[in-house]
Amino acid sequence: MNHSDAFVKLSAFITTRMRMSHIYQPLMIRTLVTAGGTAPIRTIAAAFLAKDESQLEYYEHITKVMPGRVLASHGIVQRDGDRYRLLLDPQAMSPGERDEIVRLCEDALERFLERRGNAAYDHRRIGLGHVPGTARYEVLKRAGGRCELCGIPMAERAIEIDHIIPRRHGGTDEIENLQALCWKCNENKGARDATDFRSMCRDLDHRESGCVFCTLDRSRVVAENKVALALRDAFPVTPHHSLVVPRRHVATYFDLYDPERRGVEILLGQVRADILGRDRSVEGFNIGVNDGKAAGQTVAHCHVHLIPRRVGDVADPRGGVRGVFPGRAAY
């Protein structure tokens, strides 16, 4: 059998040169070959969807909880294990009647889509409305492409961007209020979480008179977001020693809400990058929280220390934060 040059090159690429991190390359090539060499992006995407087990798992779930449940309540279908059966037997219909039922379904679908437009798929879209693509990317990168609750990777189950405090309860699109959840965890959160988000939002505005961080001189602030502030320490142990504090008056790190904890972590990363850009002598950091009087906390407002470290700033840096107990750093 004589093979064309195109066949030789393409088969050689598939069998020897193609390196796969997902299913997409062979699916795209197969789709283009079977379509005669060219295909719309939507057609290629549909081929991906047909092989995406995480999406199929999601729509299996949708089948059971949405149309399957509703149609069963009307006596149209019945679920038998992993199958559905139409209770009104289509075999009892003539071919023309079956064609008419199909046409009626297509007409109903077309009318619905004309009426609802893109809103017809809001149940599947990420979040309640549009979340900017840059924010989605940053959240997924921060999560390592995994659900931040159960840890499953996005290759195994569809990952959605969730508002920790929902928009309807005052939550924002700020990145500290966003988390990556697989669709199962996101659904469970929505169905089971009984947190009073209204009181949570009110709590975020709580300030304590007389607290040095609640009545902070704004000139000390070097970075901020909706839930936290970063500032230089008033009594630095090294140059650029900084603090990150939640805006809300809260005593301990363990009492922070998730958006606050994320906001603190985001600012720690921003201030670290700023310090590294300003001072090339910095080669490390200590990050620490004094939580409780026994741990040395003197200001009853949670604050996280970011302490730049330089080679030679102490005689023996081994053990780092273990040095809070003199003589216990080395091991």
C-alpha atoms as a PDB file:
ATOM      1  CA  MET A   1       0.000   0.000   0.000  1.00  0.00           C
ATOM      2  CA  ASN A   2       1.343   3.404  -0.970  1.00  0.00           C
ATOM      3  CA  HIS A   3       0.925   6.105   1.647  1.00  0.00           C
ATOM      4  CA  SER A   4       0.634   9.809   0.930  1.00  0.00           C
ATOM      5  CA  ASP A   5       3.187  12.237   2.330  1.00  0.00           C
ATOM      6  CA  ALA A   6       0.452  13.777   4.497  1.00  0.00           C
ATOM      7  CA  PHE A   7      -0.366  10.375   5.992  1.00  0.00           C
ATOM      8  CA  VAL A   8       3.291   9.585   6.703  1.00  0.00           C
ATOM      9  CA  LYS A   9       3.940  12.915   8.423  1.00  0.00           C
ATOM     10  CA  LEU A  10       0.721  12.951  10.447  1.00  0.00           C
ATOM     11  CA  SER A  11       0.957   9.312  11.549  1.00  0.00           C
ATOM     12  CA  ALA A  12       4.614   9.857  12.517  1.00  0.00           C
ATOM     13  CA  PHE A  13       3.651  12.888  14.590  1.00  0.00           C
ATOM     14  CA  ILE A  14       0.899  10.964  16.400  1.00  0.00           C
ATOM     15  CA  THR A  15       2.966   7.874  17.113  1.00  0.00           C
ATOM     16  CA  THR A  16       6.399   9.351  17.876  1.00  0.00           C
ATOM     17  CA  ARG A  17       6.338  13.122  18.479  1.00  0.00           C
ATOM     18  CA  MET A  18       3.032  13.895  20.149  1.00  0.00           C
ATOM     19  CA  ARG A  19       3.373  14.453  23.920  1.00  0.00           C
ATOM     20  CA  MET A  20       0.049  14.446  25.731  1.00  0.00           C
ATOM     21  CA  SER A  21      -0.930  16.100  29.008  1.00  0.00           C
ATOM     22  CA  HIS A  22      -4.644  15.698  28.179  1.00  0.00           C
ATOM     23  CA  ILE A  23      -6.959  14.157  25.601  1.00  0.00           C
ATOM     24  CA  TYR A  24      -7.208  17.213  23.361  1.00  0.00           C
ATOM     25  CA  GLN A  25      -4.544  16.753  20.645  1.00  0.00           C
ATOM     26  CA  PRO A  26      -5.696  13.415  19.189  1.00  0.00           C
ATOM     27  CA  LEU A  27      -9.344  14.486  19.478  1.00  0.00           C
ATOM     28  CA  MET A  28      -8.653  17.659  17.518  1.00  0.00           C
ATOM     29  CA  ILE A  29      -6.718  15.804  14.816  1.00  0.00           C
ATOM     30  CA  ARG A  30      -9.408  13.112  14.561  1.00  0.00           C
ATOM     31  CA  THR A  31     -12.163  15.721  14.272  1.00  0.00           C
ATOM     32  CA  LEU A  32     -10.336  17.649  11.554  1.00  0.00           C
ATOM     33  CA  VAL A  33      -9.532  14.494   9.562  1.00  0.00           C
ATOM     34  CA  THR A  34     -13.092  13.153   9.702  1.00  0.00           C
ATOM     35  CA  ALA A  35     -14.434  16.601   8.738  1.00  0.00           C
ATOM     36  CA  GLY A  36     -12.236  16.695   5.628  1.00  0.00           C
ATOM     37  CA  GLY A  37      -9.505  18.945   6.994  1.00  0.00           C
ATOM     38  CA  THR A  38     -11.380  21.887   8.476  1.00  0.00           C
ATOM     39  CA  ALA A  39     -13.963  22.287  11.227  1.00  0.00           C
ATOM     40  CA  PRO A  40     -15.409  25.137  13.301  1.00  0.00           C
ATOM     41  CA  ILE A  41     -13.947  25.637  16.781  1.00  0.00           C
ATOM     42  CA  ARG A  42     -17.365  24.786  18.204  1.00  0.00           C
ATOM     43  CA  THR A  43     -17.277  21.374  16.490  1.00  0.00           C
ATOM     44  CA  ILE A  44     -13.828  20.663  17.938  1.00  0.00           C
ATOM     45  CA  ALA A  45     -15.023  21.791  21.376  1.00  0.00           C
ATOM     46  CA  ALA A  46     -18.028  19.455  21.078  1.00  0.00           C
ATOM     47  CA  ALA A  47     -15.629  16.574  20.425  1.00  0.00           C
ATOM     48  CA  PHE A  48     -13.746  17.458  23.606  1.00  0.00           C
ATOM     49  CA  LEU A  49     -16.992  17.623  25.568  1.00  0.00           C
ATOM     50  CA  ALA A  50     -18.076  14.186  24.336  1.00  0.00           C
ATOM     51  CA  LYS A  51     -14.932  12.656  25.869  1.00  0.00           C
ATOM     52  CA  ASP A  52     -14.704  14.790  29.019  1.00  0.00           C
ATOM     53  CA  GLU A  53     -15.683  12.489  31.877  1.00  0.00           C
ATOM     54  CA  SER A  54     -15.823  15.361  34.378  1.00  0.00           C
ATOM     55  CA  GLN A  55     -18.429  17.146  32.247  1.00  0.00           C
ATOM     56  CA  LEU A  56     -20.336  13.927  31.547  1.00  0.00           C
ATOM     57  CA  GLU A  57     -20.447  13.241  35.284  1.00  0.00           C
ATOM     58  CA  TYR A  58     -21.877  16.709  35.851  1.00  0.00           C
ATOM     59  CA  TYR A  59     -24.609  16.253  33.231  1.00  0.00           C
ATOM     60  CA  GLU A  60     -25.448  12.797  34.567  1.00  0.00           C
ATOM     61  CA  HIS A  61     -26.122  14.551  37.852  1.00  0.00           C
ATOM     62  CA  ILE A  62     -28.180  17.241  36.072  1.00  0.00           C
ATOM     63  CA  THR A  63     -30.218  14.517  34.344  1.00  0.00           C
ATOM     64  CA  LYS A  64     -31.232  13.066  37.705  1.00  0.00           C
ATOM     65  CA  VAL A  65     -31.911  16.228  39.701  1.00  0.00           C
ATOM     66  CA  MET A  66     -33.465  18.462  37.031  1.00  0.00           C
ATOM     67  CA  PRO A  67     -35.350  17.023  33.993  1.00  0.00           C
ATOM     68  CA  GLY A  68     -35.468  13.454  35.319  1.00  0.00           C
ATOM     69  CA  ARG A  69     -37.067  14.530  38.599  1.00  0.00           C
ATOM     70  CA  VAL A  70     -39.532  16.948  36.980  1.00  0.00           C
ATOM     71  CA  LEU A  71     -40.606  14.591  34.176  1.00  0.00           C
ATOM     72  CA  ALA A  72     -41.039  11.748  36.666  1.00  0.00           C
ATOM     73  CA  SER A  73     -43.327  13.925  38.802  1.00  0.00           C
ATOM     74  CA  HIS A  74     -45.542  14.427  35.712  1.00  0.00           C
ATOM     75  CA  GLY A  75     -45.645  10.716  34.916  1.00  0.00           C
ATOM     76  CA  ILE A  76     -43.647  11.096  31.698  1.00  0.00           C
ATOM     77  CA  VAL A  77     -40.543   9.087  32.630  1.00  0.00           C
ATOM     78  CA  GLN A  78     -39.464   6.548  35.212  1.00  0.00           C
ATOM     79  CA  ARG A  79     -35.974   5.901  36.472  1.00  0.00           C
ATOM     80  CA  ASP A  80     -34.812   2.281  36.490  1.00  0.00           C
ATOM     81  CA  GLY A  81     -31.336   2.162  38.083  1.00  0.00           C
ATOM     82  CA  ASP A  82     -28.957   3.923  35.719  1.00  0.00           C
ATOM     83  CA  ARG A  83     -31.560   4.231  32.949  1.00  0.00           C
ATOM     84  CA  TYR A  84     -34.700   6.267  32.262  1.00  0.00           C
ATOM     85  CA  ARG A  85     -37.749   4.868  30.538  1.00  0.00           C
ATOM     86  CA  LEU A  86     -40.411   6.861  28.716  1.00  0.00           C
ATOM     87  CA  LEU A  87     -43.728   5.760  30.229  1.00  0.00           C
ATOM     88  CA  LEU A  88     -45.611   6.707  27.075  1.00  0.00           C
ATOM     89  CA  ASP A  89     -44.208   4.053  24.735  1.00  0.00           C
ATOM     90  CA  PRO A  90     -42.930   5.614  21.495  1.00  0.00           C
ATOM     91  CA  GLN A  91     -43.249   2.189  19.834  1.00  0.00           C
ATOM     92  CA  ALA A  92     -47.009   2.614  20.065  1.00  0.00           C
ATOM     93  CA  MET A  93     -46.739   5.685  17.854  1.00  0.00           C
ATOM     94  CA  SER A  94     -46.498   5.768  14.106  1.00  0.00           C
ATOM     95  CA  PRO A  95     -43.235   6.955  12.524  1.00  0.00           C
ATOM     96  CA  GLY A  96     -44.944  10.214  11.634  1.00  0.00           C
ATOM     97  CA  GLU A  97     -46.130  10.709  15.210  1.00  0.00           C
ATOM     98  CA  ARG A  98     -42.618  10.116  16.557  1.00  0.00           C
ATOM     99  CA  ASP A  99     -41.237  12.627  14.062  1.00  0.00           C
ATOM    100  CA  GLU A 100     -43.879  15.121  15.229  1.00  0.00           C
ATOM    101  CA  ILE A 101     -42.878  14.642  18.894  1.00  0.00           C
ATOM    102  CA  VAL A 102     -39.245  15.301  17.943  1.00  0.00           C
ATOM    103  CA  ARG A 103     -40.303  18.430  16.037  1.00  0.00           C
ATOM    104  CA  LEU A 104     -42.358  19.681  18.993  1.00  0.00           C
ATOM    105  CA  CYS A 105     -39.365  19.216  21.300  1.00  0.00           C
ATOM    106  CA  GLU A 106     -37.098  21.107  18.911  1.00  0.00           C
ATOM    107  CA  ASP A 107     -39.668  23.923  18.609  1.00  0.00           C
ATOM    108  CA  ALA A 108     -39.969  24.159  22.407  1.00  0.00           C
ATOM    109  CA  LEU A 109     -36.188  24.314  22.724  1.00  0.00           C
ATOM    110  CA  GLU A 110     -35.905  26.988  20.038  1.00  0.00           C
ATOM    111  CA  ARG A 111     -38.627  29.157  21.635  1.00  0.00           C
ATOM    112  CA  PHE A 112     -36.975  28.869  25.044  1.00  0.00           C
ATOM    113  CA  LEU A 113     -33.557  29.851  23.714  1.00  0.00           C
ATOM    114  CA  GLU A 114     -35.046  32.789  21.820  1.00  0.00           C
ATOM    115  CA  ARG A 115     -36.727  33.966  25.019  1.00  0.00           C
ATOM    116  CA  ARG A 116     -33.851  33.392  27.421  1.00  0.00           C
ATOM    117  CA  GLY A 117     -30.790  33.731  25.222  1.00  0.00           C
ATOM    118  CA  ASN A 118     -27.487  33.122  27.001  1.00  0.00           C
ATOM    119  CA  ALA A 119     -29.268  33.183  30.378  1.00  0.00           C
ATOM    120  CA  ALA A 120     -30.505  29.669  29.587  1.00  0.00           C
ATOM    121  CA  TYR A 121     -27.117  28.352  30.702  1.00  0.00           C
ATOM    122  CA  ASP A 122     -26.650  30.472  33.823  1.00  0.00           C
ATOM    123  CA  HIS A 123     -26.933  27.355  36.018  1.00  0.00           C
ATOM    124  CA  ARG A 124     -23.672  26.115  34.507  1.00  0.00           C
ATOM    125  CA  ARG A 125     -21.752  29.359  34.364  1.00  0.00           C
ATOM    126  CA  ILE A 126     -19.019  30.094  36.878  1.00  0.00           C
ATOM    127  CA  GLY A 127     -20.394  32.060  39.823  1.00  0.00           C
ATOM    128  CA  LEU A 128     -23.556  34.161  39.765  1.00  0.00           C
ATOM    129  CA  GLY A 129     -22.792  36.094  36.620  1.00  0.00           C
ATOM    130  CA  HIS A 130     -19.526  37.024  34.974  1.00  0.00           C
ATOM    131  CA  VAL A 131     -16.295  36.661  36.904  1.00  0.00           C
ATOM    132  CA  PRO A 132     -13.393  38.292  35.017  1.00  0.00           C
ATOM    133  CA  GLY A 133     -11.128  35.820  33.265  1.00  0.00           C
ATOM    134  CA  THR A 134      -8.030  37.165  35.010  1.00  0.00           C
ATOM    135  CA  ALA A 135      -9.658  36.497  38.399  1.00  0.00           C
ATOM    136  CA  ARG A 136     -10.653  32.959  37.352  1.00  0.00           C
ATOM    137  CA  TYR A 137      -7.080  32.304  36.230  1.00  0.00           C
ATOM    138  CA  GLU A 138      -5.559  33.599  39.471  1.00  0.00           C
ATOM    139  CA  VAL A 139      -7.959  31.558  41.625  1.00  0.00           C
ATOM    140  CA  LEU A 140      -7.275  28.358  39.676  1.00  0.00           C
ATOM    141  CA  LYS A 141      -3.519  29.008  39.770  1.00  0.00           C
ATOM    142  CA  ARG A 142      -3.637  29.612  43.521  1.00  0.00           C
ATOM    143  CA  ALA A 143      -5.582  26.372  43.962  1.00  0.00           C
ATOM    144  CA  GLY A 144      -3.157  24.406  41.798  1.00  0.00           C
ATOM    145  CA  GLY A 145      -6.022  23.387  39.506  1.00  0.00           C
ATOM    146  CA  ARG A 146      -7.722  21.474  42.330  1.00  0.00           C
ATOM    147  CA  CYS A 147     -10.885  21.824  44.373  1.00  0.00           C
ATOM    148  CA  GLU A 148      -9.931  23.764  47.492  1.00  0.00           C
ATOM    149  CA  LEU A 149     -12.312  21.638  49.574  1.00  0.00           C
ATOM    150  CA  CYS A 150     -11.904  18.007  48.468  1.00  0.00           C
ATOM    151  CA  GLY A 151      -8.657  18.337  46.467  1.00  0.00           C
ATOM    152  CA  ILE A 152      -9.836  16.613  43.286  1.00  0.00           C
ATOM    153  CA  PRO A 153      -7.960  17.885  40.170  1.00  0.00           C
ATOM    154  CA  MET A 154      -9.760  19.699  37.362  1.00  0.00           C
ATOM    155  CA  ALA A 155      -8.855  16.890  34.958  1.00  0.00           C
ATOM    156  CA  GLU A 156     -11.129  14.569  36.940  1.00  0.00           C
ATOM    157  CA  ARG A 157     -14.036  16.868  37.784  1.00  0.00           C
ATOM    158  CA  ALA A 158     -15.192  20.252  36.504  1.00  0.00           C
ATOM    159  CA  ILE A 159     -13.897  23.096  38.708  1.00  0.00           C
ATOM    160  CA  GLU A 160     -16.018  26.193  39.286  1.00  0.00           C
ATOM    161  CA  ILE A 161     -15.226  29.584  40.786  1.00  0.00           C
ATOM    162  CA  ASP A 162     -17.314  30.119  43.923  1.00  0.00           C
ATOM    163  CA  HIS A 163     -18.077  33.276  45.866  1.00  0.00           C
ATOM    164  CA  ILE A 164     -17.281  32.436  49.502  1.00  0.00           C
ATOM    165  CA  ILE A 165     -19.711  35.128  50.627  1.00  0.00           C
ATOM    166  CA  PRO A 166     -22.371  34.981  47.876  1.00  0.00           C
ATOM    167  CA  ARG A 167     -23.121  38.097  45.874  1.00  0.00           C
ATOM    168  CA  ARG A 168     -26.706  38.095  47.094  1.00  0.00           C
ATOM    169  CA  HIS A 169     -25.362  38.516  50.642  1.00  0.00           C
ATOM    170  CA  GLY A 170     -22.927  41.288  49.792  1.00  0.00           C
ATOM    171  CA  GLY A 171     -19.975  39.245  48.559  1.00  0.00           C
ATOM    172  CA  THR A 172     -17.724  40.847  45.968  1.00  0.00           C
ATOM    173  CA  ASP A 173     -15.713  39.670  42.953  1.00  0.00           C
ATOM    174  CA  GLU A 174     -12.494  40.511  44.793  1.00  0.00           C
ATOM    175  CA  ILE A 175     -10.069  37.594  44.552  1.00  0.00           C
ATOM    176  CA  GLU A 176      -9.994  37.148  48.341  1.00  0.00           C
ATOM    177  CA  ASN A 177     -13.726  36.258  48.156  1.00  0.00           C
ATOM    178  CA  LEU A 178     -13.269  33.645  45.416  1.00  0.00           C
ATOM    179  CA  GLN A 179     -12.347  29.984  45.713  1.00  0.00           C
ATOM    180  CA  ALA A 180     -12.016  27.028  43.355  1.00  0.00           C
ATOM    181  CA  LEU A 181     -14.546  24.279  44.067  1.00  0.00           C
ATOM    182  CA  CYS A 182     -15.467  21.212  42.056  1.00  0.00           C
ATOM    183  CA  TRP A 183     -19.107  21.238  41.021  1.00  0.00           C
ATOM    184  CA  LYS A 184     -20.019  18.666  43.676  1.00  0.00           C
ATOM    185  CA  CYS A 185     -18.499  20.653  46.559  1.00  0.00           C
ATOM    186  CA  ASN A 186     -19.949  23.872  45.183  1.00  0.00           C
ATOM    187  CA  GLU A 187     -23.419  22.335  45.043  1.00  0.00           C
ATOM    188  CA  ASN A 188     -23.085  20.923  48.558  1.00  0.00           C
ATOM    189  CA  LYS A 189     -21.962  24.303  49.867  1.00  0.00           C
ATOM    190  CA  GLY A 190     -24.961  25.997  48.304  1.00  0.00           C
ATOM    191  CA  ALA A 191     -27.390  23.399  49.595  1.00  0.00           C
ATOM    192  CA  ARG A 192     -26.082  22.892  53.122  1.00  0.00           C
ATOM    193  CA  ASP A 193     -24.247  26.011  54.272  1.00  0.00           C
ATOM    194  CA  ALA A 194     -26.512  27.698  56.823  1.00  0.00           C
ATOM    195  CA  THR A 195     -24.092  30.506  57.705  1.00  0.00           C
ATOM    196  CA  ASP A 196     -25.814  33.841  58.307  1.00  0.00           C
ATOM    197  CA  PHE A 197     -23.883  35.788  55.679  1.00  0.00           C
ATOM    198  CA  ARG A 198     -25.689  39.000  56.603  1.00  0.00           C
ATOM    199  CA  SER A 199     -24.146  38.972  60.074  1.00  0.00           C
ATOM    200  CA  MET A 200     -20.781  37.988  58.578  1.00  0.00           C
ATOM    201  CA  CYS A 201     -20.844  41.043  56.316  1.00  0.00           C
ATOM    202  CA  ARG A 202     -21.723  43.254  59.285  1.00  0.00           C
ATOM    203  CA  ASP A 203     -18.858  41.698  61.275  1.00  0.00           C
ATOM    204  CA  LEU A 204     -16.369  42.666  58.560  1.00  0.00           C
ATOM    205  CA  ASP A 205     -17.027  46.315  59.406  1.00  0.00           C
ATOM    206  CA  HIS A 206     -16.364  45.871  63.144  1.00  0.00           C
ATOM    207  CA  ARG A 207     -13.713  48.200  64.618  1.00  0.00           C
ATOM    208  CA  GLU A 208     -12.619  48.563  68.233  1.00  0.00           C
ATOM    209  CA  SER A 209     -11.987  52.007  69.700  1.00  0.00           C
ATOM    210  CA  GLY A 210      -8.537  52.269  71.196  1.00  0.00           C
ATOM    211  CA  CYS A 211      -7.093  49.427  69.072  1.00  0.00           C
ATOM    212  CA  VAL A 212      -3.893  50.556  67.342  1.00  0.00           C
ATOM    213  CA  PHE A 213      -4.788  48.650  64.184  1.00  0.00           C
ATOM    214  CA  CYS A 214      -8.442  49.746  64.081  1.00  0.00           C
ATOM    215  CA  THR A 215      -7.389  53.419  64.363  1.00  0.00           C
ATOM    216  CA  LEU A 216      -4.367  53.080  62.109  1.00  0.00           C
ATOM    217  CA  ASP A 217      -2.560  56.075  60.627  1.00  0.00           C
ATOM    218  CA  ARG A 218      -3.214  55.601  56.909  1.00  0.00           C
ATOM    219  CA  SER A 219       0.247  56.895  56.033  1.00  0.00           C
ATOM    220  CA  ARG A 220       1.695  53.598  57.280  1.00  0.00           C
ATOM    221  CA  VAL A 221      -0.337  51.510  54.819  1.00  0.00           C
ATOM    222  CA  VAL A 222       1.740  50.117  51.940  1.00  0.00           C
ATOM    223  CA  ALA A 223      -0.900  47.831  50.363  1.00  0.00           C
ATOM    224  CA  GLU A 224      -4.520  46.885  50.959  1.00  0.00           C
ATOM    225  CA  ASN A 225      -7.555  45.028  49.710  1.00  0.00           C
ATOM    226  CA  LYS A 226     -11.180  44.803  50.797  1.00  0.00           C
ATOM    227  CA  VAL A 227     -10.494  42.809  53.962  1.00  0.00           C
ATOM    228  CA  ALA A 228      -6.896  43.484  55.020  1.00  0.00           C
ATOM    229  CA  LEU A 229      -4.125  46.083  55.241  1.00  0.00           C
ATOM    230  CA  ALA A 230      -0.337  45.843  54.986  1.00  0.00           C
ATOM    231  CA  LEU A 231       1.973  48.240  56.798  1.00  0.00           C
ATOM    232  CA  ARG A 232       5.533  48.562  57.993  1.00  0.00           C
ATOM    233  CA  ASP A 233       6.113  47.458  61.586  1.00  0.00           C
ATOM    234  CA  ALA A 234       6.556  50.400  63.982  1.00  0.00           C
ATOM    235  CA  PHE A 235       9.387  48.548  65.752  1.00  0.00           C
ATOM    236  CA  PRO A 236      11.051  46.571  62.938  1.00  0.00           C
ATOM    237  CA  VAL A 237      13.476  43.779  63.753  1.00  0.00           C
ATOM    238  CA  THR A 238      14.927  44.039  60.218  1.00  0.00           C
ATOM    239  CA  PRO A 239      14.564  46.668  57.468  1.00  0.00           C
ATOM    240  CA  HIS A 240      11.173  46.398  55.686  1.00  0.00           C
ATOM    241  CA  HIS A 241       9.682  44.273  58.490  1.00  0.00           C
ATOM    242  CA  SER A 242       5.960  44.403  57.663  1.00  0.00           C
ATOM    243  CA  LEU A 243       2.618  43.461  59.160  1.00  0.00           C
ATOM    244  CA  VAL A 244      -0.571  42.310  57.480  1.00  0.00           C
ATOM    245  CA  VAL A 245      -3.716  42.884  59.539  1.00  0.00           C
ATOM    246  CA  PRO A 246      -7.406  42.195  58.873  1.00  0.00           C
ATOM    247  CA  ARG A 247      -9.558  45.324  58.757  1.00  0.00           C
ATOM    248  CA  ARG A 248     -12.052  43.705  61.123  1.00  0.00           C
ATOM    249  CA  HIS A 249     -11.184  43.732  64.804  1.00  0.00           C
ATOM    250  CA  VAL A 250     -10.548  40.063  65.496  1.00  0.00           C
ATOM    251  CA  ALA A 251      -8.145  38.729  68.104  1.00  0.00           C
ATOM    252  CA  THR A 252      -6.808  35.511  66.596  1.00  0.00           C
ATOM    253  CA  TYR A 253      -5.782  34.184  63.213  1.00  0.00           C
ATOM    254  CA  PHE A 254      -8.030  31.172  63.750  1.00  0.00           C
ATOM    255  CA  ASP A 255     -11.113  33.404  64.019  1.00  0.00           C
ATOM    256  CA  LEU A 256     -10.636  34.880  60.555  1.00  0.00           C
ATOM    257  CA  TYR A 257     -13.256  34.179  57.912  1.00  0.00           C
ATOM    258  CA  ASP A 258     -11.971  32.457  54.779  1.00  0.00           C
ATOM    259  CA  PRO A 259     -12.110  35.660  52.659  1.00  0.00           C
ATOM    260  CA  GLU A 260     -10.065  37.449  55.328  1.00  0.00           C
ATOM    261  CA  ARG A 261      -7.489  34.660  55.437  1.00  0.00           C
ATOM    262  CA  ARG A 262      -7.203  34.745  51.658  1.00  0.00           C
ATOM    263  CA  GLY A 263      -6.933  38.531  51.713  1.00  0.00           C
ATOM    264  CA  VAL A 264      -4.096  38.324  54.240  1.00  0.00           C
ATOM    265  CA  GLU A 265      -2.278  35.705  52.133  1.00  0.00           C
ATOM    266  CA  ILE A 266      -2.654  37.792  48.984  1.00  0.00           C
ATOM    267  CA  LEU A 267      -1.149  40.835  50.702  1.00  0.00           C
ATOM    268  CA  LEU A 268       1.707  38.764  52.122  1.00  0.00           C
ATOM    269  CA  GLY A 269       2.587  37.758  48.562  1.00  0.00           C
ATOM    270  CA  GLN A 270       2.306  41.328  47.263  1.00  0.00           C
ATOM    271  CA  VAL A 271       4.441  42.825  50.038  1.00  0.00           C
ATOM    272  CA  ARG A 272       7.042  40.055  49.679  1.00  0.00           C
ATOM    273  CA  ALA A 273       7.336  40.803  45.952  1.00  0.00           C
ATOM    274  CA  ASP A 274       7.621  44.534  46.664  1.00  0.00           C
ATOM    275  CA  ILE A 275      10.388  44.003  49.240  1.00  0.00           C
ATOM    276  CA  LEU A 276      12.342  41.724  46.899  1.00  0.00           C
ATOM    277  CA  GLY A 277      12.063  44.386  44.197  1.00  0.00           C
ATOM    278  CA  ARG A 278      13.317  47.104  46.541  1.00  0.00           C
ATOM    279  CA  ASP A 279      16.114  45.289  48.336  1.00  0.00           C
ATOM    280  CA  ARG A 280      18.333  42.731  46.610  1.00  0.00           C
ATOM    281  CA  SER A 281      20.004  41.820  49.892  1.00  0.00           C
ATOM    282  CA  VAL A 282      16.830  40.026  51.043  1.00  0.00           C
ATOM    283  CA  GLU A 283      17.160  36.272  50.523  1.00  0.00           C
ATOM    284  CA  GLY A 284      14.490  34.858  52.795  1.00  0.00           C
ATOM    285  CA  PHE A 285      11.522  35.593  55.060  1.00  0.00           C
ATOM    286  CA  ASN A 286      10.087  34.558  58.381  1.00  0.00           C
ATOM    287  CA  ILE A 287       6.291  34.598  58.532  1.00  0.00           C
ATOM    288  CA  GLY A 288       4.734  34.406  61.969  1.00  0.00           C
ATOM    289  CA  VAL A 289       1.689  35.072  64.123  1.00  0.00           C
ATOM    290  CA  ASN A 290       1.713  35.607  67.890  1.00  0.00           C
ATOM    291  CA  ASP A 291      -1.619  34.062  68.857  1.00  0.00           C
ATOM    292  CA  GLY A 292      -2.514  34.568  72.512  1.00  0.00           C
ATOM    293  CA  LYS A 293      -0.664  36.072  75.484  1.00  0.00           C
ATOM    294  CA  ALA A 294       1.258  32.855  76.120  1.00  0.00           C
ATOM    295  CA  ALA A 295       2.625  33.141  72.569  1.00  0.00           C
ATOM    296  CA  GLY A 296       3.695  36.752  73.115  1.00  0.00           C
ATOM    297  CA  GLN A 297       0.721  38.576  71.568  1.00  0.00           C
ATOM    298  CA  THR A 298       0.573  42.105  73.008  1.00  0.00           C
ATOM    299  CA  VAL A 299      -2.002  43.686  70.657  1.00  0.00           C
ATOM    300  CA  ALA A 300      -5.357  41.887  70.698  1.00  0.00           C
ATOM    301  CA  HIS A 301      -5.900  42.362  66.970  1.00  0.00           C
ATOM    302  CA  CYS A 302      -4.664  39.589  64.689  1.00  0.00           C
ATOM    303  CA  HIS A 303      -1.523  40.570  62.772  1.00  0.00           C
ATOM    304  CA  VAL A 304       0.884  38.531  60.658  1.00  0.00           C
ATOM    305  CA  HIS A 305       4.590  39.399  60.650  1.00  0.00           C
ATOM    306  CA  LEU A 306       6.560  39.296  57.399  1.00  0.00           C
ATOM    307  CA  ILE A 307      10.227  39.609  58.371  1.00  0.00           C
ATOM    308  CA  PRO A 308      12.840  39.897  55.591  1.00  0.00           C
ATOM    309  CA  ARG A 309      16.026  37.924  56.206  1.00  0.00           C
ATOM    310  CA  ARG A 310      19.512  38.517  54.894  1.00  0.00           C
ATOM    311  CA  VAL A 311      22.612  36.344  54.910  1.00  0.00           C
ATOM    312  CA  GLY A 312      24.546  37.106  58.066  1.00  0.00           C
ATOM    313  CA  ASP A 313      21.794  39.018  59.873  1.00  0.00           C
ATOM    314  CA  VAL A 314      22.242  36.531  62.753  1.00  0.00           C
ATOM    315  CA  ALA A 315      25.150  34.242  63.534  1.00  0.00           C
ATOM    316  CA  ASP A 316      23.196  31.003  62.983  1.00  0.00           C
ATOM    317  CA  PRO A 317      19.768  31.242  61.280  1.00  0.00           C
ATOM    318  CA  ARG A 318      19.075  27.497  61.400  1.00  0.00           C
ATOM    319  CA  GLY A 319      15.696  26.609  62.880  1.00  0.00           C
ATOM    320  CA  GLY A 320      14.098  29.942  62.024  1.00  0.00           C
ATOM    321  CA  VAL A 321      10.880  30.396  63.995  1.00  0.00           C
ATOM    322  CA  ARG A 322      11.944  27.652  66.399  1.00  0.00           C
ATOM    323  CA  GLY A 323      14.093  30.382  67.918  1.00  0.00           C
ATOM    324  CA  VAL A 324      11.070  31.676  69.858  1.00  0.00           C
ATOM    325  CA  PHE A 325      12.381  29.208  72.446  1.00  0.00           C
ATOM    326  CA  PRO A 326      15.985  30.209  73.132  1.00  0.00           C
ATOM    327  CA  GLY A 327      18.301  27.279  72.576  1.00  0.00           C
ATOM    328  CA  ARG A 328      15.685  25.248  70.700  1.00  0.00           C
ATOM    329  CA  ALA A 329      16.353  26.484  67.161  1.00  0.00           C
ATOM    330  CA  ALA A 330      19.076  23.983  66.311  1.00  0.00           C
ATOM    331  CA  TYR A 331      18.120  20.334  65.782  1.00  0.00           C
END
